[in-house]
PDB file of N, CA and C in Angstrom:
ATOM      1  N   MET A   1     136.637 127.360 134.245  1.00  0.00           N
ATOM      2  CA  MET A   1     137.943 127.977 134.249  1.00  0.00           C
ATOM      3  C   MET A   1     138.579 127.750 132.886  1.00  0.00           C
ATOM      4  N   ALA A   2     139.086 128.786 132.268  1.00  0.00           N
ATOM      5  CA  ALA A   2     139.706 128.679 130.941  1.00  0.00           C
ATOM      6  C   ALA A   2     141.138 128.185 131.089  1.00  0.00           C
ATOM      7  N   ALA A   3     141.523 127.357 130.160  1.00  0.00           N
ATOM      8  CA  ALA A   3     142.900 126.839 130.170  1.00  0.00           C
ATOM      9  C   ALA A   3     143.827 127.924 129.649  1.00  0.00           C
ATOM     10  N   GLU A   4     144.953 128.053 130.303  1.00  0.00           N
ATOM     11  CA  GLU A   4     145.922 129.044 129.891  1.00  0.00           C
ATOM     12  C   GLU A   4     147.284 128.387 129.884  1.00  0.00           C
ATOM     13  N   LEU A   5     147.956 128.460 128.768  1.00  0.00           N
ATOM     14  CA  LEU A   5     149.268 127.847 128.637  1.00  0.00           C
ATOM     15  C   LEU A   5     150.321 128.846 129.092  1.00  0.00           C
ATOM     16  N   CYS A   6     151.065 128.475 130.106  1.00  0.00           N
ATOM     17  CA  CYS A   6     152.106 129.339 130.634  1.00  0.00           C
ATOM     18  C   CYS A   6     153.460 128.681 130.397  1.00  0.00           C
ATOM     19  N   PHE A   7     154.372 129.399 129.807  1.00  0.00           N
ATOM     20  CA  PHE A   7     155.688 128.842 129.533  1.00  0.00           C
ATOM     21  C   PHE A   7     156.690 129.369 130.550  1.00  0.00           C
ATOM     22  N   GLY A   8     157.366 128.436 131.193  1.00  0.00           N
ATOM     23  CA  GLY A   8     158.420 128.787 132.138  1.00  0.00           C
ATOM     24  C   GLY A   8     159.759 128.746 131.427  1.00  0.00           C
ATOM     25  N   SER A   9     160.832 128.919 132.144  1.00  0.00           N
ATOM     26  CA  SER A   9     162.149 128.940 131.526  1.00  0.00           C
ATOM     27  C   SER A   9     162.582 127.569 131.039  1.00  0.00           C
ATOM     28  N   LEU A  10     162.032 126.498 131.615  1.00  0.00           N
ATOM     29  CA  LEU A  10     162.446 125.155 131.224  1.00  0.00           C
ATOM     30  C   LEU A  10     161.420 124.462 130.326  1.00  0.00           C
ATOM     31  N   GLY A  11     160.290 125.039 130.089  1.00  0.00           N
ATOM     32  CA  GLY A  11     159.285 124.397 129.244  1.00  0.00           C
ATOM     33  C   GLY A  11     157.897 124.833 129.631  1.00  0.00           C
ATOM     34  N   GLY A  12     156.919 124.264 128.966  1.00  0.00           N
ATOM     35  CA  GLY A  12     155.543 124.674 129.188  1.00  0.00           C
ATOM     36  C   GLY A  12     154.851 123.819 130.226  1.00  0.00           C
ATOM     37  N   THR A  13     153.933 124.428 130.935  1.00  0.00           N
ATOM     38  CA  THR A  13     153.060 123.688 131.845  1.00  0.00           C
ATOM     39  C   THR A  13     151.659 124.237 131.668  1.00  0.00           C
ATOM     40  N   TRP A  14     150.675 123.430 131.915  1.00  0.00           N
ATOM     41  CA  TRP A  14     149.292 123.864 131.804  1.00  0.00           C
ATOM     42  C   TRP A  14     148.868 124.504 133.119  1.00  0.00           C
ATOM     43  N   ASP A  15     148.315 125.692 133.041  1.00  0.00           N
ATOM     44  CA  ASP A  15     147.845 126.385 134.226  1.00  0.00           C
ATOM     45  C   ASP A  15     146.319 126.240 134.314  1.00  0.00           C
ATOM     46  N   VAL A  16     145.903 125.082 134.724  1.00  0.00           N
ATOM     47  CA  VAL A  16     144.484 124.779 134.916  1.00  0.00           C
ATOM     48  C   VAL A  16     144.394 124.228 136.324  1.00  0.00           C
ATOM     49  N   GLY A  17     143.218 124.195 136.894  1.00  0.00           N
ATOM     50  CA  GLY A  17     143.080 123.591 138.209  1.00  0.00           C
ATOM     51  C   GLY A  17     143.724 122.217 138.225  1.00  0.00           C
ATOM     52  N   SER A  18     144.569 121.973 139.175  1.00  0.00           N
ATOM     53  CA  SER A  18     145.323 120.720 139.250  1.00  0.00           C
ATOM     54  C   SER A  18     144.410 119.500 139.225  1.00  0.00           C
ATOM     55  N   GLU A  19     143.320 119.561 139.946  1.00  0.00           N
ATOM     56  CA  GLU A  19     142.393 118.428 139.991  1.00  0.00           C
ATOM     57  C   GLU A  19     141.722 118.213 138.634  1.00  0.00           C
ATOM     58  N   THR A  20     141.387 119.303 137.955  1.00  0.00           N
ATOM     59  CA  THR A  20     140.776 119.194 136.637  1.00  0.00           C
ATOM     60  C   THR A  20     141.729 118.543 135.659  1.00  0.00           C
ATOM     61  N   LEU A  21     142.962 119.005 135.654  1.00  0.00           N
ATOM     62  CA  LEU A  21     143.955 118.466 134.732  1.00  0.00           C
ATOM     63  C   LEU A  21     144.274 117.019 135.048  1.00  0.00           C
ATOM     64  N   ASP A  22     144.332 116.664 136.327  1.00  0.00           N
ATOM     65  CA  ASP A  22     144.555 115.269 136.696  1.00  0.00           C
ATOM     66  C   ASP A  22     143.435 114.382 136.181  1.00  0.00           C
ATOM     67  N   GLY A  23     142.212 114.851 136.270  1.00  0.00           N
ATOM     68  CA  GLY A  23     141.068 114.091 135.771  1.00  0.00           C
ATOM     69  C   GLY A  23     141.127 113.900 134.264  1.00  0.00           C
ATOM     70  N   VAL A  24     141.514 114.950 133.557  1.00  0.00           N
ATOM     71  CA  VAL A  24     141.654 114.861 132.100  1.00  0.00           C
ATOM     72  C   VAL A  24     142.755 113.868 131.757  1.00  0.00           C
ATOM     73  N   ARG A  25     143.879 113.959 132.441  1.00  0.00           N
ATOM     74  CA  ARG A  25     145.016 113.068 132.182  1.00  0.00           C
ATOM     75  C   ARG A  25     144.631 111.606 132.442  1.00  0.00           C
ATOM     76  N   VAL A  26     143.940 111.361 133.538  1.00  0.00           N
ATOM     77  CA  VAL A  26     143.502 109.995 133.851  1.00  0.00           C
ATOM     78  C   VAL A  26     142.564 109.489 132.751  1.00  0.00           C
ATOM     79  N   GLY A  27     141.664 110.336 132.292  1.00  0.00           N
ATOM     80  CA  GLY A  27     140.761 109.945 131.212  1.00  0.00           C
ATOM     81  C   GLY A  27     141.506 109.617 129.932  1.00  0.00           C
ATOM     82  N   LEU A  28     142.493 110.445 129.586  1.00  0.00           N
ATOM     83  CA  LEU A  28     143.290 110.189 128.391  1.00  0.00           C
ATOM     84  C   LEU A  28     144.033 108.862 128.501  1.00  0.00           C
ATOM     85  N   PHE A  29     144.648 108.621 129.656  1.00  0.00           N
ATOM     86  CA  PHE A  29     145.389 107.374 129.853  1.00  0.00           C
ATOM     87  C   PHE A  29     144.451 106.172 129.952  1.00  0.00           C
ATOM     88  N   ALA A  30     143.279 106.353 130.569  1.00  0.00           N
ATOM     89  CA  ALA A  30     142.318 105.247 130.714  1.00  0.00           C
ATOM     90  C   ALA A  30     141.811 104.786 129.353  1.00  0.00           C
ATOM     91  N   PHE A  31     141.713 105.691 128.403  1.00  0.00           N
ATOM     92  CA  PHE A  31     141.356 105.315 127.036  1.00  0.00           C
ATOM     93  C   PHE A  31     142.591 104.850 126.274  1.00  0.00           C
ATOM     94  N   GLY A  32     143.656 105.630 126.337  1.00  0.00           N
ATOM     95  CA  GLY A  32     144.822 105.403 125.491  1.00  0.00           C
ATOM     96  C   GLY A  32     145.558 104.102 125.708  1.00  0.00           C
ATOM     97  N   TYR A  33     145.910 103.812 126.937  1.00  0.00           N
ATOM     98  CA  TYR A  33     146.735 102.624 127.175  1.00  0.00           C
ATOM     99  C   TYR A  33     146.015 101.309 126.874  1.00  0.00           C
ATOM    100  N   PRO A  34     144.809 101.064 127.384  1.00  0.00           N
ATOM    101  CA  PRO A  34     144.168  99.776 127.077  1.00  0.00           C
ATOM    102  C   PRO A  34     143.894  99.582 125.585  1.00  0.00           C
ATOM    103  N   VAL A  35     143.423 100.643 124.919  1.00  0.00           N
ATOM    104  CA  VAL A  35     143.109 100.513 123.490  1.00  0.00           C
ATOM    105  C   VAL A  35     144.374 100.289 122.683  1.00  0.00           C
ATOM    106  N   SER A  36     145.409 101.068 122.940  1.00  0.00           N
ATOM    107  CA  SER A  36     146.634 100.901 122.163  1.00  0.00           C
ATOM    108  C   SER A  36     147.266  99.533 122.392  1.00  0.00           C
ATOM    109  N   ILE A  37     147.252  99.057 123.615  1.00  0.00           N
ATOM    110  CA  ILE A  37     147.826  97.733 123.901  1.00  0.00           C
ATOM    111  C   ILE A  37     147.013  96.641 123.210  1.00  0.00           C
ATOM    112  N   ALA A  38     145.691  96.759 123.232  1.00  0.00           N
ATOM    113  CA  ALA A  38     144.850  95.757 122.567  1.00  0.00           C
ATOM    114  C   ALA A  38     145.144  95.699 121.070  1.00  0.00           C
ATOM    115  N   VAL A  39     145.375  96.844 120.452  1.00  0.00           N
ATOM    116  CA  VAL A  39     145.676  96.861 119.018  1.00  0.00           C
ATOM    117  C   VAL A  39     147.102  96.377 118.766  1.00  0.00           C
ATOM    118  N   ILE A  40     148.056  96.787 119.582  1.00  0.00           N
ATOM    119  CA  ILE A  40     149.454  96.383 119.380  1.00  0.00           C
ATOM    120  C   ILE A  40     149.605  94.872 119.496  1.00  0.00           C
ATOM    121  N   VAL A  41     148.844  94.240 120.387  1.00  0.00           N
ATOM    122  CA  VAL A  41     148.894  92.782 120.525  1.00  0.00           C
ATOM    123  C   VAL A  41     148.523  92.118 119.201  1.00  0.00           C
ATOM    124  N   ARG A  42     147.654  92.758 118.432  1.00  0.00           N
ATOM    125  CA  ARG A  42     147.200  92.220 117.142  1.00  0.00           C
ATOM    126  C   ARG A  42     147.777  93.014 115.975  1.00  0.00           C
ATOM    127  N   TRP A  43     148.915  93.649 116.160  1.00  0.00           N
ATOM    128  CA  TRP A  43     149.437  94.614 115.200  1.00  0.00           C
ATOM    129  C   TRP A  43     149.684  94.038 113.801  1.00  0.00           C
ATOM    130  N   VAL A  44     150.334  92.893 113.702  1.00  0.00           N
ATOM    131  CA  VAL A  44     150.655  92.339 112.385  1.00  0.00           C
ATOM    132  C   VAL A  44     149.386  92.074 111.574  1.00  0.00           C
ATOM    133  N   PRO A  45     148.363  91.405 112.119  1.00  0.00           N
ATOM    134  CA  PRO A  45     147.130  91.253 111.334  1.00  0.00           C
ATOM    135  C   PRO A  45     146.443  92.586 111.013  1.00  0.00           C
ATOM    136  N   VAL A  46     146.535  93.547 111.914  1.00  0.00           N
ATOM    137  CA  VAL A  46     145.935  94.863 111.652  1.00  0.00           C
ATOM    138  C   VAL A  46     146.561  95.469 110.406  1.00  0.00           C
ATOM    139  N   VAL A  47     147.872  95.370 110.298  1.00  0.00           N
ATOM    140  CA  VAL A  47     148.573  95.949 109.149  1.00  0.00           C
ATOM    141  C   VAL A  47     148.348  95.114 107.896  1.00  0.00           C
ATOM    142  N   ARG A  48     148.561  93.824 107.992  1.00  0.00           N
ATOM    143  CA  ARG A  48     148.449  92.964 106.799  1.00  0.00           C
ATOM    144  C   ARG A  48     147.042  92.919 106.229  1.00  0.00           C
ATOM    145  N   GLU A  49     146.047  92.898 107.102  1.00  0.00           N
ATOM    146  CA  GLU A  49     144.651  92.817 106.647  1.00  0.00           C
ATOM    147  C   GLU A  49     144.015  94.192 106.467  1.00  0.00           C
ATOM    148  N   ARG A  50     144.809  95.242 106.653  1.00  0.00           N
ATOM    149  CA  ARG A  50     144.375  96.622 106.454  1.00  0.00           C
ATOM    150  C   ARG A  50     143.115  96.942 107.258  1.00  0.00           C
ATOM    151  N   ARG A  51     143.135  96.591 108.538  1.00  0.00           N
ATOM    152  CA  ARG A  51     141.995  96.861 109.426  1.00  0.00           C
ATOM    153  C   ARG A  51     142.002  98.341 109.809  1.00  0.00           C
ATOM    154  N   ILE A  52     141.372  99.158 108.992  1.00  0.00           N
ATOM    155  CA  ILE A  52     141.430 100.609 109.152  1.00  0.00           C
ATOM    156  C   ILE A  52     140.808 101.072 110.469  1.00  0.00           C
ATOM    157  N   ARG A  53     139.721 100.456 110.906  1.00  0.00           N
ATOM    158  CA  ARG A  53     139.096 100.872 112.174  1.00  0.00           C
ATOM    159  C   ARG A  53     140.033 100.637 113.346  1.00  0.00           C
ATOM    160  N   TRP A  54     140.696  99.482 113.345  1.00  0.00           N
ATOM    161  CA  TRP A  54     141.652  99.184 114.416  1.00  0.00           C
ATOM    162  C   TRP A  54     142.802 100.187 114.379  1.00  0.00           C
ATOM    163  N   PHE A  55     143.278 100.486 113.182  1.00  0.00           N
ATOM    164  CA  PHE A  55     144.393 101.420 113.043  1.00  0.00           C
ATOM    165  C   PHE A  55     144.004 102.808 113.534  1.00  0.00           C
ATOM    166  N   VAL A  56     142.826 103.269 113.157  1.00  0.00           N
ATOM    167  CA  VAL A  56     142.363 104.590 113.603  1.00  0.00           C
ATOM    168  C   VAL A  56     142.225 104.622 115.124  1.00  0.00           C
ATOM    169  N   LEU A  57     141.660 103.570 115.709  1.00  0.00           N
ATOM    170  CA  LEU A  57     141.575 103.503 117.172  1.00  0.00           C
ATOM    171  C   LEU A  57     142.955 103.562 117.807  1.00  0.00           C
ATOM    172  N   HIS A  58     143.899 102.839 117.232  1.00  0.00           N
ATOM    173  CA  HIS A  58     145.272 102.851 117.748  1.00  0.00           C
ATOM    174  C   HIS A  58     145.856 104.259 117.696  1.00  0.00           C
ATOM    175  N   GLN A  59     145.687 104.937 116.566  1.00  0.00           N
ATOM    176  CA  GLN A  59     146.250 106.277 116.417  1.00  0.00           C
ATOM    177  C   GLN A  59     145.619 107.252 117.409  1.00  0.00           C
ATOM    178  N   LEU A  60     144.306 107.172 117.583  1.00  0.00           N
ATOM    179  CA  LEU A  60     143.636 108.034 118.555  1.00  0.00           C
ATOM    180  C   LEU A  60     144.109 107.733 119.973  1.00  0.00           C
ATOM    181  N   ALA A  61     144.274 106.447 120.276  1.00  0.00           N
ATOM    182  CA  ALA A  61     144.721 106.054 121.616  1.00  0.00           C
ATOM    183  C   ALA A  61     146.138 106.549 121.896  1.00  0.00           C
ATOM    184  N   VAL A  62     147.037 106.373 120.947  1.00  0.00           N
ATOM    185  CA  VAL A  62     148.420 106.829 121.162  1.00  0.00           C
ATOM    186  C   VAL A  62     148.468 108.354 121.221  1.00  0.00           C
ATOM    187  N   ALA A  63     147.667 109.021 120.404  1.00  0.00           N
ATOM    188  CA  ALA A  63     147.601 110.487 120.481  1.00  0.00           C
ATOM    189  C   ALA A  63     147.115 110.932 121.862  1.00  0.00           C
ATOM    190  N   ALA A  64     146.140 110.212 122.430  1.00  0.00           N
ATOM    191  CA  ALA A  64     145.657 110.532 123.778  1.00  0.00           C
ATOM    192  C   ALA A  64     146.777 110.364 124.804  1.00  0.00           C
ATOM    193  N   ILE A  65     147.582 109.321 124.641  1.00  0.00           N
ATOM    194  CA  ILE A  65     148.711 109.100 125.551  1.00  0.00           C
ATOM    195  C   ILE A  65     149.715 110.242 125.436  1.00  0.00           C
ATOM    196  N   VAL A  66     150.025 110.643 124.211  1.00  0.00           N
ATOM    197  CA  VAL A  66     150.978 111.741 123.991  1.00  0.00           C
ATOM    198  C   VAL A  66     150.447 113.031 124.617  1.00  0.00           C
ATOM    199  N   ILE A  67     149.186 113.324 124.420  1.00  0.00           N
ATOM    200  CA  ILE A  67     148.595 114.532 125.011  1.00  0.00           C
ATOM    201  C   ILE A  67     148.616 114.446 126.534  1.00  0.00           C
ATOM    202  N   GLY A  68     148.298 113.275 127.067  1.00  0.00           N
ATOM    203  CA  GLY A  68     148.328 113.101 128.524  1.00  0.00           C
ATOM    204  C   GLY A  68     149.698 113.381 129.109  1.00  0.00           C
ATOM    205  N   TRP A  69     150.731 112.838 128.474  1.00  0.00           N
ATOM    206  CA  TRP A  69     152.084 113.070 128.981  1.00  0.00           C
ATOM    207  C   TRP A  69     152.523 114.513 128.767  1.00  0.00           C
ATOM    208  N   SER A  70     152.076 115.138 127.683  1.00  0.00           N
ATOM    209  CA  SER A  70     152.483 116.529 127.453  1.00  0.00           C
ATOM    210  C   SER A  70     151.877 117.464 128.495  1.00  0.00           C
ATOM    211  N   THR A  71     150.683 117.140 128.998  1.00  0.00           N
ATOM    212  CA  THR A  71     150.089 117.986 130.040  1.00  0.00           C
ATOM    213  C   THR A  71     150.855 117.883 131.347  1.00  0.00           C
ATOM    214  N   GLU A  72     151.657 116.846 131.480  1.00  0.00           N
ATOM    215  CA  GLU A  72     152.481 116.677 132.673  1.00  0.00           C
ATOM    216  C   GLU A  72     153.922 117.133 132.423  1.00  0.00           C
ATOM    217  N   SER A  73     154.165 117.604 131.196  1.00  0.00           N
ATOM    218  CA  SER A  73     155.507 118.018 130.774  1.00  0.00           C
ATOM    219  C   SER A  73     156.522 116.891 130.903  1.00  0.00           C
ATOM    220  N   ALA A  74     156.093 115.674 130.658  1.00  0.00           N
ATOM    221  CA  ALA A  74     156.973 114.495 130.668  1.00  0.00           C
ATOM    222  C   ALA A  74     157.467 114.286 129.234  1.00  0.00           C
ATOM    223  N   TRP A  75     158.443 115.087 128.832  1.00  0.00           N
ATOM    224  CA  TRP A  75     158.848 115.151 127.430  1.00  0.00           C
ATOM    225  C   TRP A  75     159.488 113.869 126.924  1.00  0.00           C
ATOM    226  N   SER A  76     160.140 113.102 127.784  1.00  0.00           N
ATOM    227  CA  SER A  76     160.709 111.833 127.314  1.00  0.00           C
ATOM    228  C   SER A  76     159.585 110.854 126.960  1.00  0.00           C
ATOM    229  N   ALA A  77     158.516 110.834 127.731  1.00  0.00           N
ATOM    230  CA  ALA A  77     157.366 109.978 127.416  1.00  0.00           C
ATOM    231  C   ALA A  77     156.658 110.462 126.154  1.00  0.00           C
ATOM    232  N   VAL A  78     156.589 111.778 125.966  1.00  0.00           N
ATOM    233  CA  VAL A  78     156.005 112.341 124.747  1.00  0.00           C
ATOM    234  C   VAL A  78     156.837 111.914 123.541  1.00  0.00           C
ATOM    235  N   LEU A  79     158.153 111.988 123.670  1.00  0.00           N
ATOM    236  CA  LEU A  79     159.047 111.621 122.572  1.00  0.00           C
ATOM    237  C   LEU A  79     158.915 110.138 122.216  1.00  0.00           C
ATOM    238  N   ILE A  80     158.917 109.280 123.216  1.00  0.00           N
ATOM    239  CA  ILE A  80     158.832 107.834 122.979  1.00  0.00           C
ATOM    240  C   ILE A  80     157.497 107.471 122.331  1.00  0.00           C
ATOM    241  N   ASN A  81     156.401 107.939 122.891  1.00  0.00           N
ATOM    242  CA  ASN A  81     155.086 107.599 122.355  1.00  0.00           C
ATOM    243  C   ASN A  81     154.821 108.292 121.020  1.00  0.00           C
ATOM    244  N   GLY A  82     155.316 109.507 120.865  1.00  0.00           N
ATOM    245  CA  GLY A  82     155.191 110.201 119.583  1.00  0.00           C
ATOM    246  C   GLY A  82     155.980 109.501 118.488  1.00  0.00           C
ATOM    247  N   ALA A  83     157.152 108.989 118.842  1.00  0.00           N
ATOM    248  CA  ALA A  83     157.953 108.236 117.868  1.00  0.00           C
ATOM    249  C   ALA A  83     157.208 106.986 117.426  1.00  0.00           C
ATOM    250  N   TRP A  84     156.584 106.281 118.378  1.00  0.00           N
ATOM    251  CA  TRP A  84     155.812 105.095 118.012  1.00  0.00           C
ATOM    252  C   TRP A  84     154.642 105.480 117.098  1.00  0.00           C
ATOM    253  N   LEU A  85     154.031 106.623 117.334  1.00  0.00           N
ATOM    254  CA  LEU A  85     152.930 107.085 116.491  1.00  0.00           C
ATOM    255  C   LEU A  85     153.406 107.244 115.040  1.00  0.00           C
ATOM    256  N   VAL A  86     154.571 107.827 114.856  1.00  0.00           N
ATOM    257  CA  VAL A  86     155.133 108.016 113.515  1.00  0.00           C
ATOM    258  C   VAL A  86     155.530 106.673 112.903  1.00  0.00           C
ATOM    259  N   ILE A  87     156.192 105.821 113.684  1.00  0.00           N
ATOM    260  CA  ILE A  87     156.617 104.509 113.189  1.00  0.00           C
ATOM    261  C   ILE A  87     155.403 103.662 112.801  1.00  0.00           C
ATOM    262  N   ALA A  88     154.369 103.661 113.633  1.00  0.00           N
ATOM    263  CA  ALA A  88     153.166 102.881 113.349  1.00  0.00           C
ATOM    264  C   ALA A  88     152.501 103.370 112.063  1.00  0.00           C
ATOM    265  N   THR A  89     152.487 104.678 111.862  1.00  0.00           N
ATOM    266  CA  THR A  89     151.898 105.235 110.642  1.00  0.00           C
ATOM    267  C   THR A  89     152.671 104.779 109.415  1.00  0.00           C
ATOM    268  N   ALA A  90     153.989 104.855 109.484  1.00  0.00           N
ATOM    269  CA  ALA A  90     154.824 104.425 108.355  1.00  0.00           C
ATOM    270  C   ALA A  90     154.654 102.930 108.095  1.00  0.00           C
ATOM    271  N   TRP A  91     154.611 102.140 109.156  1.00  0.00           N
ATOM    272  CA  TRP A  91     154.449 100.692 109.028  1.00  0.00           C
ATOM    273  C   TRP A  91     153.113 100.361 108.364  1.00  0.00           C
ATOM    274  N   TYR A  92     152.051 101.008 108.816  1.00  0.00           N
ATOM    275  CA  TYR A  92     150.736 100.761 108.243  1.00  0.00           C
ATOM    276  C   TYR A  92     150.704 101.223 106.785  1.00  0.00           C
ATOM    277  N   ALA A  93     151.296 102.373 106.498  1.00  0.00           N
ATOM    278  CA  ALA A  93     151.319 102.900 105.128  1.00  0.00           C
ATOM    279  C   ALA A  93     152.069 101.956 104.196  1.00  0.00           C
ATOM    280  N   ALA A  94     153.125 101.328 104.707  1.00  0.00           N
ATOM    281  CA  ALA A  94     153.887 100.375 103.900  1.00  0.00           C
ATOM    282  C   ALA A  94     153.126  99.069 103.736  1.00  0.00           C
ATOM    283  N   GLY A  95     152.104  98.856 104.525  1.00  0.00           N
ATOM    284  CA  GLY A  95     151.264  97.679 104.403  1.00  0.00           C
ATOM    285  C   GLY A  95     151.874  96.425 104.962  1.00  0.00           C
ATOM    286  N   GLY A  96     152.928  96.556 105.728  1.00  0.00           N
ATOM    287  CA  GLY A  96     153.548  95.374 106.317  1.00  0.00           C
ATOM    288  C   GLY A  96     154.203  94.487 105.283  1.00  0.00           C
ATOM    289  N   GLN A  97     154.461  95.042 104.105  1.00  0.00           N
ATOM    290  CA  GLN A  97     155.068  94.251 103.031  1.00  0.00           C
ATOM    291  C   GLN A  97     156.543  94.010 103.308  1.00  0.00           C
ATOM    292  N   ARG A  98     156.931  92.779 103.097  1.00  0.00           N
ATOM    293  CA  ARG A  98     158.358  92.457 103.177  1.00  0.00           C
ATOM    294  C   ARG A  98     158.961  92.659 101.800  1.00  0.00           C
ATOM    295  N   PRO A  99     160.196  93.113 101.755  1.00  0.00           N
ATOM    296  CA  PRO A  99     160.816  93.280 100.447  1.00  0.00           C
ATOM    297  C   PRO A  99     160.938  91.924  99.733  1.00  0.00           C
ATOM    298  N   GLY A 100     160.632  91.925  98.482  1.00  0.00           N
ATOM    299  CA  GLY A 100     160.715  90.682  97.706  1.00  0.00           C
ATOM    300  C   GLY A 100     162.156  90.346  97.361  1.00  0.00           C
ATOM    301  N   PRO A 101     162.350  89.150  96.797  1.00  0.00           N
ATOM    302  CA  PRO A 101     163.717  88.770  96.420  1.00  0.00           C
ATOM    303  C   PRO A 101     164.242  89.689  95.311  1.00  0.00           C
ATOM    304  N   ALA A 102     165.499  89.979  95.396  1.00  0.00           N
ATOM    305  CA  ALA A 102     166.105  90.911  94.443  1.00  0.00           C
ATOM    306  C   ALA A 102     166.444  90.247  93.138  1.00  0.00           C
TER     307      ALA A 102
END
């Protein structure tokens, strides 16, 4: 069955077999939440030591969470997790450096 995006008056919903979409969502969350939590627990060393593999896994995991919530049209969860994705990227890009004395 081909996925078809149907937009209603209040927002978009995925028009795929409900069971298929539930399975995809569970898979996204089953990967996303454990991996992202495991990396977040070690976040400061990941940033300071520039552990690129850990960072990439974290980004993929959070992206999976965002996609999972978007398929359910849970926009507040998409916003919260998407914001963390942007914040984590900026934090990693800054290298976790503290500003030096002025």
